[in-house]
C-alpha cells in the first residue's frame, strides 16, 4: 500500500528538480551545483541566464537602466 504513495511523491519531486535545474529558462550548471552543494541556496541569487548575481552586477544593471530612462526622457 505504501508503494502507491511513494512513487507519485518521488516522481513529483524529481520532476520539479528536473524542471528547475535543467529545463527552466534560467537553468545552468552553476545553479545545479549550488542547489546540491550549498545550504544557503536561493533561486533569487541567480539572474535570468542562470548566472550568480553579485552586488556589482546588480548596481551596474541599475545604473544602465537609469541611463536608458534618462536618455528616453
PDB file of N, CA and C in Angstrom:
ATOM      1  N   UNK A   1       0.812  -1.190   0.000  1.00  0.00           N
ATOM      2  CA  UNK A   1       0.000   0.000   0.000  1.00  0.00           C
ATOM      3  C   UNK A   1       0.861   1.263   0.000  1.00  0.00           C
ATOM      4  N   UNK A   2       1.981   1.228   0.685  1.00  0.00           N
ATOM      5  CA  UNK A   2       2.849   2.401   0.774  1.00  0.00           C
ATOM      6  C   UNK A   2       3.516   2.729  -0.557  1.00  0.00           C
ATOM      7  N   UNK A   3       3.691   1.746  -1.390  1.00  0.00           N
ATOM      8  CA  UNK A   3       4.318   1.967  -2.693  1.00  0.00           C
ATOM      9  C   UNK A   3       3.465   2.899  -3.548  1.00  0.00           C
ATOM     10  N   UNK A   4       2.170   2.850  -3.393  1.00  0.00           N
ATOM     11  CA  UNK A   4       1.279   3.680  -4.196  1.00  0.00           C
ATOM     12  C   UNK A   4       1.405   5.164  -3.840  1.00  0.00           C
ATOM     13  N   UNK A   5       1.888   5.460  -2.649  1.00  0.00           N
ATOM     14  CA  UNK A   5       2.131   6.844  -2.246  1.00  0.00           C
ATOM     15  C   UNK A   5       3.544   7.272  -2.594  1.00  0.00           C
ATOM     16  N   UNK A   6       4.492   6.381  -2.412  1.00  0.00           N
ATOM     17  CA  UNK A   6       5.900   6.725  -2.579  1.00  0.00           C
ATOM     18  C   UNK A   6       6.251   7.070  -4.023  1.00  0.00           C
ATOM     19  N   UNK A   7       5.761   6.300  -4.966  1.00  0.00           N
ATOM     20  CA  UNK A   7       6.082   6.524  -6.380  1.00  0.00           C
ATOM     21  C   UNK A   7       5.673   7.903  -6.880  1.00  0.00           C
ATOM     22  N   UNK A   8       4.413   8.285  -6.717  1.00  0.00           N
ATOM     23  CA  UNK A   8       3.982   9.610  -7.185  1.00  0.00           C
ATOM     24  C   UNK A   8       4.672  10.765  -6.457  1.00  0.00           C
ATOM     25  N   UNK A   9       4.915  10.618  -5.149  1.00  0.00           N
ATOM     26  CA  UNK A   9       5.595  11.682  -4.404  1.00  0.00           C
ATOM     27  C   UNK A   9       7.029  11.867  -4.898  1.00  0.00           C
ATOM     28  N   UNK A  10       7.755  10.778  -5.037  1.00  0.00           N
ATOM     29  CA  UNK A  10       9.138  10.877  -5.530  1.00  0.00           C
ATOM     30  C   UNK A  10       9.169  11.354  -6.979  1.00  0.00           C
ATOM     31  N   UNK A  11       8.214  10.918  -7.787  1.00  0.00           N
ATOM     32  CA  UNK A  11       8.135  11.377  -9.174  1.00  0.00           C
ATOM     33  C   UNK A  11       7.884  12.871  -9.263  1.00  0.00           C
ATOM     34  N   UNK A  12       7.023  13.390  -8.397  1.00  0.00           N
ATOM     35  CA  UNK A  12       6.747  14.827  -8.371  1.00  0.00           C
ATOM     36  C   UNK A  12       7.960  15.637  -7.961  1.00  0.00           C
ATOM     37  N   UNK A  13       8.667  15.161  -6.952  1.00  0.00           N
ATOM     38  CA  UNK A  13       9.883  15.856  -6.503  1.00  0.00           C
ATOM     39  C   UNK A  13      10.930  15.830  -7.611  1.00  0.00           C
ATOM     40  N   UNK A  14      11.118  14.684  -8.232  1.00  0.00           N
ATOM     41  CA  UNK A  14      12.098  14.565  -9.316  1.00  0.00           C
ATOM     42  C   UNK A  14      11.728  15.451 -10.502  1.00  0.00           C
ATOM     43  N   UNK A  15      10.454  15.506 -10.852  1.00  0.00           N
ATOM     44  CA  UNK A  15      10.014  16.346 -11.971  1.00  0.00           C
ATOM     45  C   UNK A  15      10.261  17.821 -11.664  1.00  0.00           C
ATOM     46  N   UNK A  16       9.990  18.248 -10.438  1.00  0.00           N
ATOM     47  CA  UNK A  16      10.228  19.647 -10.057  1.00  0.00           C
ATOM     48  C   UNK A  16      11.712  19.989 -10.133  1.00  0.00           C
ATOM     49  N   UNK A  17      12.569  19.103  -9.649  1.00  0.00           N
ATOM     50  CA  UNK A  17      14.015  19.341  -9.714  1.00  0.00           C
ATOM     51  C   UNK A  17      14.507  19.382 -11.157  1.00  0.00           C
ATOM     52  N   UNK A  18      14.052  18.448 -11.976  1.00  0.00           N
ATOM     53  CA  UNK A  18      14.471  18.435 -13.373  1.00  0.00           C
ATOM     54  C   UNK A  18      14.068  19.714 -14.094  1.00  0.00           C
ATOM     55  N   UNK A  19      12.847  20.164 -13.844  1.00  0.00           N
ATOM     56  CA  UNK A  19      12.402  21.383 -14.495  1.00  0.00           C
ATOM     57  C   UNK A  19      13.241  22.576 -14.048  1.00  0.00           C
ATOM     58  N   UNK A  20      13.378  22.738 -12.745  1.00  0.00           N
ATOM     59  CA  UNK A  20      14.064  23.913 -12.220  1.00  0.00           C
ATOM     60  C   UNK A  20      15.542  23.933 -12.589  1.00  0.00           C
ATOM     61  N   UNK A  21      16.189  22.776 -12.619  1.00  0.00           N
ATOM     62  CA  UNK A  21      17.636  22.740 -12.825  1.00  0.00           C
ATOM     63  C   UNK A  21      18.049  22.447 -14.268  1.00  0.00           C
ATOM     64  N   UNK A  22      17.148  21.921 -15.094  1.00  0.00           N
ATOM     65  CA  UNK A  22      17.533  21.578 -16.470  1.00  0.00           C
ATOM     66  C   UNK A  22      16.709  22.272 -17.554  1.00  0.00           C
ATOM     67  N   UNK A  23      15.421  22.425 -17.344  1.00  0.00           N
ATOM     68  CA  UNK A  23      14.550  22.880 -18.418  1.00  0.00           C
ATOM     69  C   UNK A  23      14.063  24.316 -18.288  1.00  0.00           C
ATOM     70  N   UNK A  24      14.224  24.937 -17.139  1.00  0.00           N
ATOM     71  CA  UNK A  24      13.769  26.321 -16.955  1.00  0.00           C
ATOM     72  C   UNK A  24      14.638  27.260 -17.783  1.00  0.00           C
ATOM     73  N   UNK A  25      14.122  28.451 -18.046  1.00  0.00           N
ATOM     74  CA  UNK A  25      14.848  29.422 -18.864  1.00  0.00           C
ATOM     75  C   UNK A  25      16.170  29.834 -18.227  1.00  0.00           C
ATOM     76  N   UNK A  26      16.254  29.835 -16.911  1.00  0.00           N
ATOM     77  CA  UNK A  26      17.495  30.258 -16.250  1.00  0.00           C
ATOM     78  C   UNK A  26      18.270  29.069 -15.679  1.00  0.00           C
ATOM     79  N   UNK A  27      18.086  27.878 -16.229  1.00  0.00           N
ATOM     80  CA  UNK A  27      18.813  26.698 -15.764  1.00  0.00           C
ATOM     81  C   UNK A  27      20.279  26.794 -16.179  1.00  0.00           C
ATOM     82  N   UNK A  28      21.174  26.369 -15.294  1.00  0.00           N
ATOM     83  CA  UNK A  28      22.601  26.354 -15.612  1.00  0.00           C
ATOM     84  C   UNK A  28      23.309  25.335 -14.733  1.00  0.00           C
ATOM     85  N   UNK A  29      24.499  24.971 -15.125  1.00  0.00           N
ATOM     86  CA  UNK A  29      25.301  24.036 -14.347  1.00  0.00           C
ATOM     87  C   UNK A  29      25.653  24.669 -12.999  1.00  0.00           C
ATOM     88  N   UNK A  30      25.982  25.945 -13.006  1.00  0.00           N
ATOM     89  CA  UNK A  30      26.328  26.638 -11.765  1.00  0.00           C
ATOM     90  C   UNK A  30      25.159  26.612 -10.778  1.00  0.00           C
ATOM     91  N   UNK A  31      23.965  26.816 -11.270  1.00  0.00           N
ATOM     92  CA  UNK A  31      22.774  26.809 -10.426  1.00  0.00           C
ATOM     93  C   UNK A  31      22.537  25.409  -9.861  1.00  0.00           C
ATOM     94  N   UNK A  32      22.691  24.374 -10.677  1.00  0.00           N
ATOM     95  CA  UNK A  32      22.506  23.000 -10.215  1.00  0.00           C
ATOM     96  C   UNK A  32      23.540  22.630  -9.158  1.00  0.00           C
ATOM     97  N   UNK A  33      24.797  23.018  -9.375  1.00  0.00           N
ATOM     98  CA  UNK A  33      25.837  22.736  -8.376  1.00  0.00           C
ATOM     99  C   UNK A  33      25.527  23.417  -7.055  1.00  0.00           C
ATOM    100  N   UNK A  34      25.082  24.662  -7.118  1.00  0.00           N
ATOM    101  CA  UNK A  34      24.750  25.398  -5.904  1.00  0.00           C
ATOM    102  C   UNK A  34      23.590  24.727  -5.172  1.00  0.00           C
ATOM    103  N   UNK A  35      22.613  24.229  -5.904  1.00  0.00           N
ATOM    104  CA  UNK A  35      21.460  23.585  -5.281  1.00  0.00           C
ATOM    105  C   UNK A  35      21.883  22.367  -4.472  1.00  0.00           C
ATOM    106  N   UNK A  36      22.794  21.560  -5.026  1.00  0.00           N
ATOM    107  CA  UNK A  36      23.178  20.325  -4.360  1.00  0.00           C
ATOM    108  C   UNK A  36      24.300  20.497  -3.343  1.00  0.00           C
ATOM    109  N   UNK A  37      25.050  21.602  -3.390  1.00  0.00           N
ATOM    110  CA  UNK A  37      26.212  21.724  -2.514  1.00  0.00           C
ATOM    111  C   UNK A  37      26.103  22.818  -1.463  1.00  0.00           C
ATOM    112  N   UNK A  38      25.202  23.765  -1.606  1.00  0.00           N
ATOM    113  CA  UNK A  38      25.121  24.883  -0.664  1.00  0.00           C
ATOM    114  C   UNK A  38      23.876  24.789   0.212  1.00  0.00           C
ATOM    115  N   UNK A  39      24.058  25.043   1.488  1.00  0.00           N
ATOM    116  CA  UNK A  39      22.919  25.049   2.404  1.00  0.00           C
ATOM    117  C   UNK A  39      22.093  26.318   2.233  1.00  0.00           C
ATOM    118  N   UNK A  40      22.722  27.412   1.805  1.00  0.00           N
ATOM    119  CA  UNK A  40      22.025  28.700   1.690  1.00  0.00           C
ATOM    120  C   UNK A  40      21.552  28.970   0.261  1.00  0.00           C
ATOM    121  N   UNK A  41      21.205  27.912  -0.479  1.00  0.00           N
ATOM    122  CA  UNK A  41      20.738  28.066  -1.859  1.00  0.00           C
ATOM    123  C   UNK A  41      19.466  28.900  -1.895  1.00  0.00           C
ATOM    124  N   UNK A  42      19.438  29.857  -2.805  1.00  0.00           N
ATOM    125  CA  UNK A  42      18.249  30.680  -3.017  1.00  0.00           C
ATOM    126  C   UNK A  42      18.178  30.982  -4.506  1.00  0.00           C
ATOM    127  N   UNK A  43      17.054  30.648  -5.116  1.00  0.00           N
ATOM    128  CA  UNK A  43      16.894  30.833  -6.564  1.00  0.00           C
ATOM    129  C   UNK A  43      17.044  32.289  -6.970  1.00  0.00           C
ATOM    130  N   UNK A  44      16.716  33.213  -6.087  1.00  0.00           N
ATOM    131  CA  UNK A  44      16.816  34.635  -6.430  1.00  0.00           C
ATOM    132  C   UNK A  44      18.265  35.109  -6.511  1.00  0.00           C
ATOM    133  N   UNK A  45      19.228  34.258  -6.145  1.00  0.00           N
ATOM    134  CA  UNK A  45      20.646  34.600  -6.267  1.00  0.00           C
ATOM    135  C   UNK A  45      21.125  34.513  -7.708  1.00  0.00           C
ATOM    136  N   UNK A  46      20.289  34.010  -8.606  1.00  0.00           N
ATOM    137  CA  UNK A  46      20.677  33.800  -9.990  1.00  0.00           C
ATOM    138  C   UNK A  46      19.866  34.698 -10.906  1.00  0.00           C
ATOM    139  N   UNK A  47      20.514  35.188 -11.970  1.00  0.00           N
ATOM    140  CA  UNK A  47      19.809  36.069 -12.911  1.00  0.00           C
ATOM    141  C   UNK A  47      19.025  35.238 -13.924  1.00  0.00           C
ATOM    142  N   UNK A  48      18.461  35.911 -14.926  1.00  0.00           N
ATOM    143  CA  UNK A  48      17.617  35.218 -15.901  1.00  0.00           C
ATOM    144  C   UNK A  48      18.390  34.267 -16.806  1.00  0.00           C
ATOM    145  N   UNK A  49      19.724  34.321 -16.758  1.00  0.00           N
ATOM    146  CA  UNK A  49      20.553  33.426 -17.562  1.00  0.00           C
ATOM    147  C   UNK A  49      21.173  32.315 -16.727  1.00  0.00           C
ATOM    148  N   UNK A  50      20.840  32.246 -15.428  1.00  0.00           N
ATOM    149  CA  UNK A  50      21.353  31.207 -14.558  1.00  0.00           C
ATOM    150  C   UNK A  50      22.705  31.527 -13.955  1.00  0.00           C
ATOM    151  N   UNK A  51      23.177  32.758 -14.142  1.00  0.00           N
ATOM    152  CA  UNK A  51      24.463  33.145 -13.550  1.00  0.00           C
ATOM    153  C   UNK A  51      24.217  33.763 -12.188  1.00  0.00           C
ATOM    154  N   UNK A  52      25.170  33.541 -11.276  1.00  0.00           N
ATOM    155  CA  UNK A  52      25.037  34.066  -9.923  1.00  0.00           C
ATOM    156  C   UNK A  52      25.085  35.587  -9.945  1.00  0.00           C
ATOM    157  N   UNK A  53      24.149  36.194  -9.241  1.00  0.00           N
ATOM    158  CA  UNK A  53      24.119  37.655  -9.132  1.00  0.00           C
ATOM    159  C   UNK A  53      25.139  38.112  -8.108  1.00  0.00           C
ATOM    160  N   UNK A  54      25.745  39.223  -8.394  1.00  0.00           N
ATOM    161  CA  UNK A  54      26.629  39.855  -7.428  1.00  0.00           C
ATOM    162  C   UNK A  54      26.162  41.280  -7.223  1.00  0.00           C
ATOM    163  N   UNK A  55      26.584  41.866  -6.156  1.00  0.00           N
ATOM    164  CA  UNK A  55      26.166  43.231  -5.863  1.00  0.00           C
ATOM    165  C   UNK A  55      26.634  44.189  -6.961  1.00  0.00           C
ATOM    166  N   UNK A  56      27.855  43.978  -7.461  1.00  0.00           N
ATOM    167  CA  UNK A  56      28.395  44.837  -8.504  1.00  0.00           C
ATOM    168  C   UNK A  56      27.581  44.733  -9.793  1.00  0.00           C
ATOM    169  N   UNK A  57      27.186  43.514 -10.162  1.00  0.00           N
ATOM    170  CA  UNK A  57      26.389  43.322 -11.371  1.00  0.00           C
ATOM    171  C   UNK A  57      25.032  43.981 -11.239  1.00  0.00           C
ATOM    172  N   UNK A  58      24.415  43.842 -10.058  1.00  0.00           N
ATOM    173  CA  UNK A  58      23.109  44.468  -9.834  1.00  0.00           C
ATOM    174  C   UNK A  58      23.211  45.982  -9.908  1.00  0.00           C
ATOM    175  N   UNK A  59      24.259  46.550  -9.326  1.00  0.00           N
ATOM    176  CA  UNK A  59      24.437  48.005  -9.362  1.00  0.00           C
ATOM    177  C   UNK A  59      24.682  48.490 -10.788  1.00  0.00           C
ATOM    178  N   UNK A  60      25.466  47.755 -11.555  1.00  0.00           N
ATOM    179  CA  UNK A  60      25.749  48.131 -12.936  1.00  0.00           C
ATOM    180  C   UNK A  60      24.471  48.067 -13.782  1.00  0.00           C
ATOM    181  N   UNK A  61      23.649  47.036 -13.555  1.00  0.00           N
ATOM    182  CA  UNK A  61      22.399  46.906 -14.307  1.00  0.00           C
ATOM    183  C   UNK A  61      21.443  48.044 -13.967  1.00  0.00           C
ATOM    184  N   UNK A  62      21.385  48.418 -12.687  1.00  0.00           N
ATOM    185  CA  UNK A  62      20.521  49.537 -12.285  1.00  0.00           C
ATOM    186  C   UNK A  62      21.009  50.848 -12.890  1.00  0.00           C
ATOM    187  N   UNK A  63      22.327  51.051 -12.912  1.00  0.00           N
ATOM    188  CA  UNK A  63      22.878  52.272 -13.492  1.00  0.00           C
ATOM    189  C   UNK A  63      22.591  52.339 -14.985  1.00  0.00           C
ATOM    190  N   UNK A  64      22.736  51.215 -15.676  1.00  0.00           N
ATOM    191  CA  UNK A  64      22.465  51.173 -17.115  1.00  0.00           C
ATOM    192  C   UNK A  64      20.991  51.446 -17.390  1.00  0.00           C
ATOM    193  N   UNK A  65      20.123  50.905 -16.572  1.00  0.00           N
ATOM    194  CA  UNK A  65      18.688  51.136 -16.738  1.00  0.00           C
ATOM    195  C   UNK A  65      18.350  52.608 -16.498  1.00  0.00           C
ATOM    196  N   UNK A  66      18.998  53.218 -15.520  1.00  0.00           N
ATOM    197  CA  UNK A  66      18.788  54.639 -15.255  1.00  0.00           C
ATOM    198  C   UNK A  66      19.237  55.506 -16.420  1.00  0.00           C
ATOM    199  N   UNK A  67      20.355  55.142 -17.052  1.00  0.00           N
ATOM    200  CA  UNK A  67      20.836  55.883 -18.222  1.00  0.00           C
ATOM    201  C   UNK A  67      19.851  55.780 -19.382  1.00  0.00           C
ATOM    202  N   UNK A  68      19.297  54.591 -19.580  1.00  0.00           N
ATOM    203  CA  UNK A  68      18.321  54.400 -20.660  1.00  0.00           C
ATOM    204  C   UNK A  68      17.074  55.238 -20.425  1.00  0.00           C
ATOM    205  N   UNK A  69      16.620  55.277 -19.167  1.00  0.00           N
ATOM    206  CA  UNK A  69      15.434  56.061 -18.852  1.00  0.00           C
ATOM    207  C   UNK A  69      15.677  57.554 -19.035  1.00  0.00           C
ATOM    208  N   UNK A  70      16.861  58.024 -18.635  1.00  0.00           N
ATOM    209  CA  UNK A  70      17.148  59.454 -18.776  1.00  0.00           C
ATOM    210  C   UNK A  70      17.328  59.837 -20.242  1.00  0.00           C
ATOM    211  N   UNK A  71      17.852  58.922 -21.060  1.00  0.00           N
ATOM    212  CA  UNK A  71      18.019  59.186 -22.476  1.00  0.00           C
ATOM    213  C   UNK A  71      16.661  59.232 -23.192  1.00  0.00           C
ATOM    214  N   UNK A  72      15.724  58.419 -22.695  1.00  0.00           N
ATOM    215  CA  UNK A  72      14.400  58.360 -23.309  1.00  0.00           C
ATOM    216  C   UNK A  72      13.572  59.602 -22.957  1.00  0.00           C
ATOM    217  N   UNK A  73      13.900  60.242 -21.853  1.00  0.00           N
ATOM    218  CA  UNK A  73      13.097  61.407 -21.417  1.00  0.00           C
ATOM    219  C   UNK A  73      13.444  62.679 -22.122  1.00  0.00           C
TER     220      UNK A  73
END
